[in-house]
Amino acid sequence: MDKAQLRQELQRILAGISDEQRKEKSRRACRKLIATPEFQNASTVMMYLSLPHELDTSEAILCAWQMGKTVVVPKVSWQQRHMIPVQINSLETGFSEEVPGLRNPTTGAPVPFEDIHLVIAPGLGFDRKGNRLGRGGSYYDRFFSNKDLKAMKCGFAFAEQVMETVPVTEHDVPVDMLVSDEEVLHFGKDKPAAGAKTKKSGMSSK
């Protein structure tokens, strides 16, 4: 299945999740996310403002504020097709909805990429290797490619959005971990960390 077909299929799956299910699954996923060491230890967390069919991040955002964290959300520039991270202090005010259902912050100070510790990213689909299928605008792929961004990248999705495999191209940036309403997955454990040397010695770890 190519990207376009899979996107249609996933849109259908998302549309089939009832409001009641979405609320319950969002609650479960937020609690799983909040319990991770990555969330607990991040002093600046970038979250997304949910679209009507997406997992609702509100509970995790409110919890982050209660824990004294800085909460950052993407401010989307449609003309330049990119996102700027800005700080928010409310879920009630300071948003425009030029695109129906999508809250775009109109206020909030930009936050330097290097100050963000954890980025919670939406997607239409994810696979069990950390690959992410977005909605086709490449906003997050471009954001993730910024050389100043050192944050842990975490996908956030309904269990129904987690596939065995999603099609990827060289421009698609994978996530480091994935939280759904059913599980928490970490990726890249077998990859050397940036700048780390691969083992060349003959010593075995077995």
N, C-alpha and C. Protein backbone atom coordinates (compact mmCIF):
# COMPACT_ATOMS: atom_id res chain seq x y z
N MET A 1 0.85 -1.20 0.00
CA MET A 1 0.00 0.00 0.00
C MET A 1 0.89 1.25 0.00
N ASP A 2 0.62 2.18 -0.94
CA ASP A 2 1.47 3.38 -0.96
C ASP A 2 0.96 4.40 0.08
N LYS A 3 1.70 5.52 0.19
CA LYS A 3 1.38 6.50 1.23
C LYS A 3 -0.04 7.04 1.09
N ALA A 4 -0.43 7.36 -0.15
CA ALA A 4 -1.76 7.97 -0.37
C ALA A 4 -2.87 7.01 0.06
N GLN A 5 -2.73 5.72 -0.32
CA GLN A 5 -3.76 4.73 0.05
C GLN A 5 -3.80 4.52 1.56
N LEU A 6 -2.60 4.45 2.17
CA LEU A 6 -2.54 4.23 3.60
C LEU A 6 -3.12 5.43 4.36
N ARG A 7 -2.86 6.64 3.85
CA ARG A 7 -3.45 7.83 4.49
C ARG A 7 -4.97 7.75 4.47
N GLN A 8 -5.53 7.36 3.32
CA GLN A 8 -7.00 7.24 3.22
C GLN A 8 -7.53 6.21 4.21
N GLU A 9 -6.83 5.07 4.27
CA GLU A 9 -7.24 3.99 5.16
C GLU A 9 -7.19 4.45 6.62
N LEU A 10 -6.12 5.16 7.00
CA LEU A 10 -5.98 5.63 8.38
C LEU A 10 -7.00 6.73 8.71
N GLN A 11 -7.30 7.58 7.73
CA GLN A 11 -8.34 8.61 7.95
C GLN A 11 -9.68 7.93 8.24
N ARG A 12 -9.93 6.82 7.52
CA ARG A 12 -11.17 6.06 7.74
C ARG A 12 -11.21 5.48 9.15
N ILE A 13 -10.06 4.91 9.56
CA ILE A 13 -9.96 4.31 10.89
C ILE A 13 -10.21 5.37 11.97
N LEU A 14 -9.57 6.55 11.81
CA LEU A 14 -9.72 7.62 12.80
C LEU A 14 -11.17 8.11 12.86
N ALA A 15 -11.81 8.22 11.69
CA ALA A 15 -13.19 8.70 11.65
C ALA A 15 -14.14 7.71 12.33
N GLY A 16 -13.71 6.44 12.41
CA GLY A 16 -14.55 5.40 13.00
C GLY A 16 -14.45 5.32 14.52
N ILE A 17 -13.53 6.10 15.13
CA ILE A 17 -13.41 6.09 16.59
C ILE A 17 -14.41 7.09 17.17
N SER A 18 -15.30 6.61 18.02
CA SER A 18 -16.35 7.49 18.55
C SER A 18 -15.77 8.52 19.52
N ASP A 19 -16.53 9.58 19.77
CA ASP A 19 -16.07 10.62 20.71
C ASP A 19 -15.79 10.03 22.08
N GLU A 20 -16.66 9.10 22.49
CA GLU A 20 -16.51 8.49 23.82
C GLU A 20 -15.22 7.67 23.88
N GLN A 21 -14.97 6.89 22.82
CA GLN A 21 -13.73 6.09 22.75
C GLN A 21 -12.51 7.01 22.73
N ARG A 22 -12.63 8.08 21.98
CA ARG A 22 -11.49 9.00 21.84
C ARG A 22 -11.12 9.60 23.19
N LYS A 23 -12.15 9.98 23.95
CA LYS A 23 -11.89 10.56 25.29
C LYS A 23 -11.18 9.55 26.19
N GLU A 24 -11.71 8.31 26.20
CA GLU A 24 -11.14 7.28 27.07
C GLU A 24 -9.72 6.92 26.64
N LYS A 25 -9.53 6.75 25.33
CA LYS A 25 -8.19 6.40 24.81
C LYS A 25 -7.20 7.54 25.06
N SER A 26 -7.67 8.78 24.90
CA SER A 26 -6.80 9.95 25.13
C SER A 26 -6.35 9.98 26.58
N ARG A 27 -7.28 9.69 27.47
CA ARG A 27 -6.95 9.67 28.91
C ARG A 27 -5.87 8.63 29.18
N ARG A 28 -6.07 7.43 28.62
CA ARG A 28 -5.10 6.35 28.84
C ARG A 28 -3.74 6.70 28.26
N ALA A 29 -3.74 7.23 27.05
CA ALA A 29 -2.47 7.56 26.39
C ALA A 29 -1.73 8.68 27.13
N CYS A 30 -2.48 9.69 27.59
CA CYS A 30 -1.85 10.80 28.33
C CYS A 30 -1.21 10.27 29.62
N ARG A 31 -1.90 9.36 30.30
CA ARG A 31 -1.35 8.82 31.55
C ARG A 31 -0.09 8.00 31.30
N LYS A 32 -0.10 7.24 30.19
CA LYS A 32 1.10 6.47 29.84
C LYS A 32 2.26 7.42 29.53
N LEU A 33 1.96 8.49 28.79
CA LEU A 33 3.00 9.47 28.43
C LEU A 33 3.56 10.14 29.69
N ILE A 34 2.66 10.60 30.57
CA ILE A 34 3.08 11.32 31.79
C ILE A 34 3.99 10.44 32.66
N ALA A 35 3.74 9.12 32.64
CA ALA A 35 4.51 8.20 33.49
C ALA A 35 5.91 7.91 32.94
N THR A 36 6.19 8.27 31.69
CA THR A 36 7.52 7.94 31.13
C THR A 36 8.59 8.82 31.75
N PRO A 37 9.81 8.28 31.94
CA PRO A 37 10.92 9.09 32.45
C PRO A 37 11.20 10.28 31.53
N GLU A 38 11.00 10.08 30.24
CA GLU A 38 11.28 11.15 29.27
C GLU A 38 10.40 12.37 29.55
N PHE A 39 9.13 12.13 29.85
CA PHE A 39 8.21 13.24 30.18
C PHE A 39 8.55 13.81 31.55
N GLN A 40 8.74 12.92 32.52
CA GLN A 40 9.02 13.36 33.89
C GLN A 40 10.26 14.26 33.95
N ASN A 41 11.28 13.91 33.16
CA ASN A 41 12.56 14.62 33.26
C ASN A 41 12.69 15.83 32.34
N ALA A 42 11.72 16.04 31.45
CA ALA A 42 11.82 17.17 30.50
C ALA A 42 11.31 18.44 31.17
N SER A 43 12.10 19.50 31.15
CA SER A 43 11.58 20.75 31.73
C SER A 43 10.84 21.58 30.69
N THR A 44 11.13 21.35 29.40
CA THR A 44 10.38 22.01 28.33
C THR A 44 9.84 20.94 27.39
N VAL A 45 8.52 20.86 27.29
CA VAL A 45 7.87 19.84 26.47
C VAL A 45 7.11 20.52 25.34
N MET A 46 7.31 20.03 24.12
CA MET A 46 6.54 20.54 22.98
C MET A 46 5.41 19.56 22.70
N MET A 47 4.18 20.05 22.76
CA MET A 47 3.01 19.22 22.52
C MET A 47 2.31 19.74 21.26
N TYR A 48 1.38 18.96 20.74
CA TYR A 48 0.57 19.49 19.63
C TYR A 48 -0.84 19.76 20.15
N LEU A 49 -1.54 20.67 19.48
CA LEU A 49 -2.94 20.98 19.82
C LEU A 49 -3.80 20.11 18.92
N SER A 50 -4.55 19.21 19.52
CA SER A 50 -5.18 18.13 18.77
C SER A 50 -6.23 18.60 17.77
N LEU A 51 -6.24 17.95 16.61
CA LEU A 51 -7.34 18.07 15.65
C LEU A 51 -8.49 17.22 16.18
N PRO A 52 -9.72 17.46 15.66
CA PRO A 52 -10.88 16.75 16.21
C PRO A 52 -10.76 15.22 16.24
N HIS A 53 -10.06 14.62 15.28
CA HIS A 53 -9.99 13.15 15.25
C HIS A 53 -8.73 12.60 15.92
N GLU A 54 -7.86 13.47 16.42
CA GLU A 54 -6.60 13.00 16.99
C GLU A 54 -6.73 12.71 18.49
N LEU A 55 -5.75 11.97 19.02
CA LEU A 55 -5.66 11.79 20.48
C LEU A 55 -5.58 13.17 21.11
N ASP A 56 -6.34 13.40 22.13
CA ASP A 56 -6.38 14.71 22.79
C ASP A 56 -5.22 14.83 23.78
N THR A 57 -4.39 15.83 23.60
CA THR A 57 -3.21 16.02 24.45
C THR A 57 -3.49 16.88 25.70
N SER A 58 -4.72 17.37 25.85
CA SER A 58 -5.01 18.36 26.91
C SER A 58 -4.58 17.91 28.30
N GLU A 59 -4.88 16.66 28.64
CA GLU A 59 -4.56 16.19 29.99
C GLU A 59 -3.06 16.23 30.26
N ALA A 60 -2.26 15.85 29.24
CA ALA A 60 -0.79 15.87 29.40
C ALA A 60 -0.28 17.31 29.50
N ILE A 61 -0.91 18.22 28.75
CA ILE A 61 -0.50 19.64 28.80
C ILE A 61 -0.79 20.20 30.20
N LEU A 62 -2.01 19.94 30.71
CA LEU A 62 -2.37 20.45 32.04
C LEU A 62 -1.46 19.87 33.11
N CYS A 63 -1.12 18.59 32.96
CA CYS A 63 -0.24 17.94 33.93
C CYS A 63 1.16 18.55 33.86
N ALA A 64 1.63 18.84 32.65
CA ALA A 64 2.97 19.46 32.49
C ALA A 64 3.02 20.80 33.23
N TRP A 65 1.96 21.59 33.10
CA TRP A 65 1.92 22.87 33.82
C TRP A 65 1.93 22.65 35.33
N GLN A 66 1.15 21.66 35.79
CA GLN A 66 1.11 21.38 37.23
C GLN A 66 2.49 20.96 37.75
N MET A 67 3.28 20.32 36.88
CA MET A 67 4.63 19.87 37.27
C MET A 67 5.67 20.97 37.09
N GLY A 68 5.20 22.16 36.68
CA GLY A 68 6.13 23.29 36.55
C GLY A 68 6.92 23.30 35.25
N LYS A 69 6.46 22.55 34.26
CA LYS A 69 7.18 22.51 32.98
C LYS A 69 6.76 23.67 32.07
N THR A 70 7.65 24.02 31.15
CA THR A 70 7.32 24.96 30.08
C THR A 70 6.65 24.16 28.96
N VAL A 71 5.48 24.63 28.50
CA VAL A 71 4.78 23.94 27.41
C VAL A 71 4.88 24.78 26.14
N VAL A 72 5.33 24.12 25.09
CA VAL A 72 5.54 24.76 23.80
C VAL A 72 4.63 24.07 22.79
N VAL A 73 4.05 24.83 21.86
CA VAL A 73 3.25 24.23 20.79
C VAL A 73 3.70 24.80 19.45
N PRO A 74 3.40 24.10 18.35
CA PRO A 74 3.81 24.63 17.04
C PRO A 74 2.92 25.77 16.58
N LYS A 75 3.55 26.85 16.16
CA LYS A 75 2.83 27.93 15.48
C LYS A 75 3.11 27.73 13.99
N VAL A 76 2.08 27.46 13.24
CA VAL A 76 2.26 27.09 11.82
C VAL A 76 2.20 28.32 10.93
N SER A 77 3.20 28.45 10.08
CA SER A 77 3.17 29.49 9.04
C SER A 77 2.79 28.80 7.74
N TRP A 78 1.54 29.03 7.29
CA TRP A 78 1.07 28.33 6.09
C TRP A 78 1.81 28.81 4.85
N GLN A 79 2.13 30.12 4.81
CA GLN A 79 2.82 30.65 3.62
C GLN A 79 4.21 30.02 3.47
N GLN A 80 4.95 29.97 4.58
CA GLN A 80 6.32 29.45 4.51
C GLN A 80 6.40 27.96 4.74
N ARG A 81 5.25 27.35 5.05
CA ARG A 81 5.17 25.90 5.26
C ARG A 81 6.17 25.41 6.32
N HIS A 82 6.17 26.10 7.46
CA HIS A 82 7.01 25.61 8.55
C HIS A 82 6.37 25.94 9.90
N MET A 83 6.97 25.40 10.96
CA MET A 83 6.44 25.57 12.31
C MET A 83 7.47 26.24 13.19
N ILE A 84 7.00 27.14 14.05
CA ILE A 84 7.86 27.80 15.03
C ILE A 84 7.39 27.35 16.41
N PRO A 85 8.29 26.91 17.31
CA PRO A 85 7.85 26.55 18.65
C PRO A 85 7.60 27.79 19.51
N VAL A 86 6.38 27.92 20.05
CA VAL A 86 6.07 29.07 20.91
C VAL A 86 5.50 28.57 22.24
N GLN A 87 5.77 29.32 23.30
CA GLN A 87 5.29 28.95 24.63
C GLN A 87 3.82 29.36 24.80
N ILE A 88 3.02 28.47 25.42
CA ILE A 88 1.64 28.84 25.76
C ILE A 88 1.42 28.67 27.26
N ASN A 89 0.48 29.43 27.80
CA ASN A 89 0.14 29.33 29.23
C ASN A 89 -1.34 29.10 29.44
N SER A 90 -2.08 28.86 28.34
CA SER A 90 -3.52 28.63 28.44
C SER A 90 -3.97 27.79 27.25
N LEU A 91 -5.01 26.99 27.46
CA LEU A 91 -5.62 26.25 26.35
C LEU A 91 -6.90 26.95 25.90
N GLU A 92 -7.23 28.07 26.57
CA GLU A 92 -8.51 28.73 26.31
C GLU A 92 -8.39 29.90 25.34
N THR A 93 -7.30 30.67 25.46
CA THR A 93 -7.21 31.91 24.69
C THR A 93 -5.91 31.99 23.90
N GLY A 94 -5.91 32.90 22.92
CA GLY A 94 -4.69 33.15 22.15
C GLY A 94 -4.52 32.26 20.93
N PHE A 95 -5.65 31.80 20.35
CA PHE A 95 -5.58 30.93 19.16
C PHE A 95 -6.47 31.46 18.05
N SER A 96 -6.05 31.19 16.82
CA SER A 96 -6.94 31.46 15.68
C SER A 96 -7.26 30.11 15.05
N GLU A 97 -8.36 30.05 14.30
CA GLU A 97 -8.71 28.80 13.61
C GLU A 97 -8.95 29.09 12.14
N GLU A 98 -7.88 29.52 11.44
CA GLU A 98 -8.03 29.77 9.99
C GLU A 98 -8.40 28.47 9.30
N VAL A 99 -7.75 27.38 9.75
CA VAL A 99 -8.11 26.06 9.24
C VAL A 99 -9.07 25.46 10.27
N PRO A 100 -10.30 25.11 9.86
CA PRO A 100 -11.30 24.63 10.83
C PRO A 100 -10.76 23.49 11.68
N GLY A 101 -10.92 23.63 12.99
CA GLY A 101 -10.50 22.55 13.90
C GLY A 101 -9.05 22.64 14.33
N LEU A 102 -8.24 23.43 13.65
CA LEU A 102 -6.82 23.52 14.01
C LEU A 102 -6.55 24.83 14.74
N ARG A 103 -6.21 24.71 16.03
CA ARG A 103 -5.89 25.90 16.81
C ARG A 103 -4.45 26.30 16.54
N ASN A 104 -4.27 27.53 16.07
CA ASN A 104 -2.93 28.03 15.79
C ASN A 104 -2.67 29.19 16.74
N PRO A 105 -1.60 29.13 17.57
CA PRO A 105 -1.39 30.21 18.54
C PRO A 105 -1.12 31.55 17.86
N THR A 106 -1.72 32.60 18.40
CA THR A 106 -1.50 33.94 17.84
C THR A 106 -0.56 34.74 18.74
N THR A 107 -0.36 34.24 19.97
CA THR A 107 0.55 34.92 20.90
C THR A 107 1.59 33.90 21.35
N GLY A 108 2.42 34.27 22.29
CA GLY A 108 3.39 33.31 22.82
C GLY A 108 4.79 33.58 22.28
N ALA A 109 5.76 33.57 23.18
CA ALA A 109 7.14 33.86 22.81
C ALA A 109 7.76 32.64 22.14
N PRO A 110 8.49 32.85 21.02
CA PRO A 110 9.21 31.73 20.40
C PRO A 110 10.23 31.15 21.37
N VAL A 111 10.40 29.84 21.33
CA VAL A 111 11.34 29.14 22.22
C VAL A 111 12.45 28.56 21.35
N PRO A 112 13.73 28.75 21.73
CA PRO A 112 14.83 28.20 20.92
C PRO A 112 14.73 26.68 20.82
N PHE A 113 15.03 26.16 19.64
CA PHE A 113 14.96 24.71 19.41
C PHE A 113 15.77 23.94 20.45
N GLU A 114 16.95 24.47 20.79
CA GLU A 114 17.85 23.73 21.68
C GLU A 114 17.34 23.66 23.12
N ASP A 115 16.31 24.48 23.46
CA ASP A 115 15.76 24.46 24.82
C ASP A 115 14.69 23.40 25.01
N ILE A 116 14.25 22.77 23.91
CA ILE A 116 13.16 21.78 23.99
C ILE A 116 13.76 20.41 24.30
N HIS A 117 13.20 19.73 25.30
CA HIS A 117 13.73 18.42 25.71
C HIS A 117 12.95 17.24 25.11
N LEU A 118 11.66 17.46 24.88
CA LEU A 118 10.81 16.37 24.39
C LEU A 118 9.78 16.95 23.43
N VAL A 119 9.65 16.34 22.25
CA VAL A 119 8.64 16.77 21.27
C VAL A 119 7.62 15.64 21.11
N ILE A 120 6.36 15.95 21.41
CA ILE A 120 5.27 14.98 21.21
C ILE A 120 4.67 15.27 19.84
N ALA A 121 4.77 14.31 18.93
CA ALA A 121 4.36 14.55 17.55
C ALA A 121 3.16 13.69 17.17
N PRO A 122 2.19 14.32 16.48
CA PRO A 122 1.09 13.53 15.95
C PRO A 122 1.53 12.86 14.65
N GLY A 123 0.66 12.06 14.10
CA GLY A 123 0.92 11.44 12.80
C GLY A 123 -0.33 10.69 12.42
N LEU A 124 -0.43 10.34 11.15
CA LEU A 124 -1.57 9.51 10.75
C LEU A 124 -1.30 8.06 11.10
N GLY A 125 -0.02 7.66 10.97
CA GLY A 125 0.33 6.28 11.29
C GLY A 125 1.78 6.19 11.73
N PHE A 126 2.08 5.16 12.51
CA PHE A 126 3.45 4.88 12.95
C PHE A 126 3.68 3.39 12.80
N ASP A 127 4.95 2.98 12.65
CA ASP A 127 5.19 1.54 12.67
C ASP A 127 6.09 1.19 13.85
N ARG A 128 6.34 -0.10 13.98
CA ARG A 128 7.05 -0.60 15.16
C ARG A 128 8.56 -0.44 15.05
N LYS A 129 8.99 0.33 14.05
CA LYS A 129 10.42 0.66 13.94
C LYS A 129 10.64 2.15 14.18
N GLY A 130 9.53 2.88 14.43
CA GLY A 130 9.66 4.31 14.70
C GLY A 130 9.39 5.19 13.50
N ASN A 131 9.04 4.59 12.37
CA ASN A 131 8.73 5.41 11.19
C ASN A 131 7.36 6.06 11.36
N ARG A 132 7.27 7.28 10.85
CA ARG A 132 6.05 8.07 11.02
C ARG A 132 5.47 8.45 9.67
N LEU A 133 4.16 8.29 9.52
CA LEU A 133 3.47 8.74 8.32
C LEU A 133 2.65 9.96 8.70
N GLY A 134 3.01 11.13 8.19
CA GLY A 134 2.29 12.36 8.51
C GLY A 134 1.13 12.58 7.56
N ARG A 135 0.60 13.80 7.57
CA ARG A 135 -0.55 14.10 6.73
C ARG A 135 -0.15 14.57 5.34
N GLY A 136 1.16 14.65 5.09
CA GLY A 136 1.60 14.98 3.74
C GLY A 136 2.20 16.36 3.59
N GLY A 137 2.16 17.18 4.66
CA GLY A 137 2.70 18.54 4.55
C GLY A 137 4.19 18.64 4.89
N SER A 138 4.74 17.57 5.49
CA SER A 138 6.16 17.51 5.89
C SER A 138 6.56 18.55 6.93
N TYR A 139 5.57 19.13 7.63
CA TYR A 139 5.91 20.14 8.65
C TYR A 139 6.81 19.57 9.74
N TYR A 140 6.43 18.39 10.25
CA TYR A 140 7.23 17.80 11.34
C TYR A 140 8.57 17.28 10.83
N ASP A 141 8.60 16.72 9.61
CA ASP A 141 9.89 16.24 9.08
C ASP A 141 10.88 17.40 8.96
N ARG A 142 10.38 18.55 8.48
CA ARG A 142 11.28 19.71 8.39
C ARG A 142 11.68 20.20 9.76
N PHE A 143 10.73 20.20 10.69
CA PHE A 143 11.01 20.64 12.06
C PHE A 143 12.07 19.74 12.70
N PHE A 144 11.89 18.42 12.54
CA PHE A 144 12.82 17.45 13.13
C PHE A 144 14.22 17.56 12.52
N SER A 145 14.30 18.07 11.30
CA SER A 145 15.59 18.14 10.61
C SER A 145 16.42 19.35 11.05
N ASN A 146 15.84 20.23 11.89
CA ASN A 146 16.58 21.41 12.33
C ASN A 146 17.78 20.98 13.17
N LYS A 147 18.97 21.46 12.79
CA LYS A 147 20.20 21.00 13.44
C LYS A 147 20.29 21.39 14.92
N ASP A 148 19.51 22.40 15.34
CA ASP A 148 19.55 22.83 16.74
C ASP A 148 18.64 22.00 17.64
N LEU A 149 17.79 21.16 17.02
CA LEU A 149 16.84 20.38 17.82
C LEU A 149 17.54 19.12 18.35
N LYS A 150 17.67 19.04 19.67
CA LYS A 150 18.33 17.88 20.30
C LYS A 150 17.30 17.04 21.07
N ALA A 151 16.05 17.44 21.00
CA ALA A 151 15.00 16.82 21.82
C ALA A 151 14.74 15.37 21.44
N MET A 152 14.22 14.64 22.41
CA MET A 152 13.68 13.30 22.18
C MET A 152 12.39 13.47 21.38
N LYS A 153 12.22 12.67 20.33
CA LYS A 153 11.03 12.77 19.48
C LYS A 153 10.09 11.61 19.82
N CYS A 154 8.87 11.96 20.21
CA CYS A 154 7.92 10.94 20.65
C CYS A 154 6.64 11.00 19.84
N GLY A 155 6.30 9.92 19.17
CA GLY A 155 5.03 9.83 18.47
C GLY A 155 3.91 9.57 19.47
N PHE A 156 2.71 10.06 19.16
CA PHE A 156 1.56 9.93 20.07
C PHE A 156 0.38 9.54 19.22
N ALA A 157 -0.21 8.36 19.48
CA ALA A 157 -1.22 7.85 18.55
C ALA A 157 -2.16 6.85 19.22
N PHE A 158 -3.32 6.67 18.59
CA PHE A 158 -4.21 5.58 18.98
C PHE A 158 -3.52 4.26 18.63
N ALA A 159 -3.82 3.21 19.40
CA ALA A 159 -3.27 1.88 19.08
C ALA A 159 -3.64 1.49 17.65
N GLU A 160 -4.82 1.95 17.19
CA GLU A 160 -5.28 1.62 15.82
C GLU A 160 -4.37 2.21 14.74
N GLN A 161 -3.56 3.22 15.11
CA GLN A 161 -2.68 3.88 14.13
C GLN A 161 -1.30 3.25 14.05
N VAL A 162 -1.05 2.25 14.91
CA VAL A 162 0.28 1.61 14.93
C VAL A 162 0.26 0.39 14.01
N MET A 163 1.05 0.47 12.95
CA MET A 163 1.10 -0.59 11.93
C MET A 163 2.39 -1.40 12.07
N GLU A 164 2.45 -2.51 11.37
CA GLU A 164 3.72 -3.25 11.36
C GLU A 164 4.77 -2.47 10.56
N THR A 165 4.32 -1.83 9.48
CA THR A 165 5.27 -1.06 8.67
C THR A 165 4.53 0.05 7.93
N VAL A 166 5.16 1.23 7.82
CA VAL A 166 4.60 2.30 6.99
C VAL A 166 5.66 2.68 5.93
N PRO A 167 5.21 3.07 4.72
CA PRO A 167 6.17 3.42 3.68
C PRO A 167 6.91 4.71 4.03
N VAL A 168 8.22 4.74 3.77
CA VAL A 168 9.01 5.93 4.08
C VAL A 168 9.88 6.34 2.90
N THR A 169 10.25 7.62 2.88
CA THR A 169 11.23 8.11 1.91
C THR A 169 12.41 8.67 2.70
N GLU A 170 13.45 9.08 2.00
CA GLU A 170 14.67 9.55 2.70
C GLU A 170 14.43 10.83 3.50
N HIS A 171 13.35 11.56 3.18
CA HIS A 171 13.09 12.82 3.90
C HIS A 171 12.30 12.61 5.18
N ASP A 172 11.76 11.40 5.36
CA ASP A 172 10.95 11.12 6.55
C ASP A 172 11.85 10.89 7.76
N VAL A 173 11.57 11.61 8.83
CA VAL A 173 12.39 11.50 10.05
C VAL A 173 11.66 10.60 11.05
N PRO A 174 12.30 9.52 11.52
CA PRO A 174 11.64 8.64 12.48
C PRO A 174 11.59 9.25 13.87
N VAL A 175 10.74 8.68 14.74
CA VAL A 175 10.68 9.13 16.13
C VAL A 175 11.53 8.19 16.99
N ASP A 176 11.86 8.66 18.21
CA ASP A 176 12.69 7.87 19.13
C ASP A 176 11.84 6.95 20.01
N MET A 177 10.60 7.35 20.20
CA MET A 177 9.69 6.54 21.02
C MET A 177 8.26 6.78 20.56
N LEU A 178 7.37 5.89 20.97
CA LEU A 178 5.97 5.99 20.56
C LEU A 178 5.09 5.62 21.74
N VAL A 179 4.11 6.48 22.02
CA VAL A 179 3.16 6.21 23.10
C VAL A 179 1.76 6.11 22.48
N SER A 180 1.08 5.00 22.76
CA SER A 180 -0.33 4.87 22.34
C SER A 180 -1.15 4.62 23.59
N ASP A 181 -2.46 4.42 23.41
CA ASP A 181 -3.30 4.13 24.58
C ASP A 181 -3.06 2.72 25.10
N GLU A 182 -2.24 1.93 24.39
CA GLU A 182 -2.00 0.56 24.84
C GLU A 182 -0.56 0.26 25.22
N GLU A 183 0.40 1.04 24.68
CA GLU A 183 1.80 0.67 24.93
C GLU A 183 2.75 1.86 24.79
N VAL A 184 3.97 1.66 25.29
CA VAL A 184 5.07 2.62 25.10
C VAL A 184 6.21 1.86 24.42
N LEU A 185 6.63 2.35 23.27
CA LEU A 185 7.72 1.69 22.52
C LEU A 185 8.91 2.62 22.43
N HIS A 186 10.12 2.07 22.57
CA HIS A 186 11.35 2.84 22.36
C HIS A 186 12.08 2.27 21.16
N PHE A 187 12.68 3.14 20.38
CA PHE A 187 13.39 2.70 19.17
C PHE A 187 14.85 3.14 19.24
N GLY A 188 15.63 2.59 18.34
CA GLY A 188 17.00 3.07 18.17
C GLY A 188 17.96 2.61 19.24
N LYS A 189 17.55 1.61 20.04
CA LYS A 189 18.45 1.13 21.08
C LYS A 189 19.70 0.49 20.46
N ASP A 190 19.51 -0.11 19.27
CA ASP A 190 20.64 -0.79 18.64
C ASP A 190 21.47 0.15 17.77
N LYS A 191 21.01 1.40 17.62
CA LYS A 191 21.78 2.36 16.81
C LYS A 191 22.75 3.09 17.73
N PRO A 192 23.99 3.37 17.26
CA PRO A 192 24.89 4.16 18.11
C PRO A 192 24.34 5.57 18.26
N ALA A 193 24.53 6.15 19.42
CA ALA A 193 24.07 7.52 19.65
C ALA A 193 24.87 8.45 18.75
N ALA A 194 24.31 9.63 18.50
CA ALA A 194 25.00 10.59 17.63
C ALA A 194 26.39 10.83 18.17
N GLY A 195 27.38 10.66 17.32
CA GLY A 195 28.76 10.91 17.73
C GLY A 195 29.41 9.72 18.40
N ALA A 196 28.63 8.70 18.72
CA ALA A 196 29.24 7.53 19.39
C ALA A 196 29.96 6.67 18.36
N LYS A 197 31.00 6.03 18.80
CA LYS A 197 31.76 5.17 17.87
C LYS A 197 31.14 3.78 17.89
N THR A 198 31.09 3.18 16.71
CA THR A 198 30.57 1.81 16.67
C THR A 198 31.66 0.89 17.21
N LYS A 199 31.22 -0.24 17.73
CA LYS A 199 32.20 -1.16 18.33
C LYS A 199 33.11 -1.72 17.27
N LYS A 200 34.40 -1.59 17.50
CA LYS A 200 35.33 -2.19 16.55
C LYS A 200 36.19 -3.23 17.25
N SER A 201 36.12 -3.27 18.58
CA SER A 201 36.95 -4.22 19.30
C SER A 201 36.36 -5.62 19.13
N GLY A 202 37.18 -6.62 19.37
CA GLY A 202 36.72 -7.99 19.19
C GLY A 202 36.02 -8.52 20.42
N MET A 203 35.84 -7.67 21.42
CA MET A 203 35.22 -8.15 22.65
C MET A 203 33.73 -8.41 22.45
N SER A 204 33.27 -9.48 22.97
CA SER A 204 31.86 -9.80 22.83
C SER A 204 31.13 -9.42 24.12
N SER A 205 29.90 -8.97 23.96
CA SER A 205 29.14 -8.61 25.15
C SER A 205 28.30 -9.79 25.63
N LYS A 206 28.41 -10.91 24.94
CA LYS A 206 27.58 -12.08 25.32
C LYS A 206 28.19 -12.76 26.53
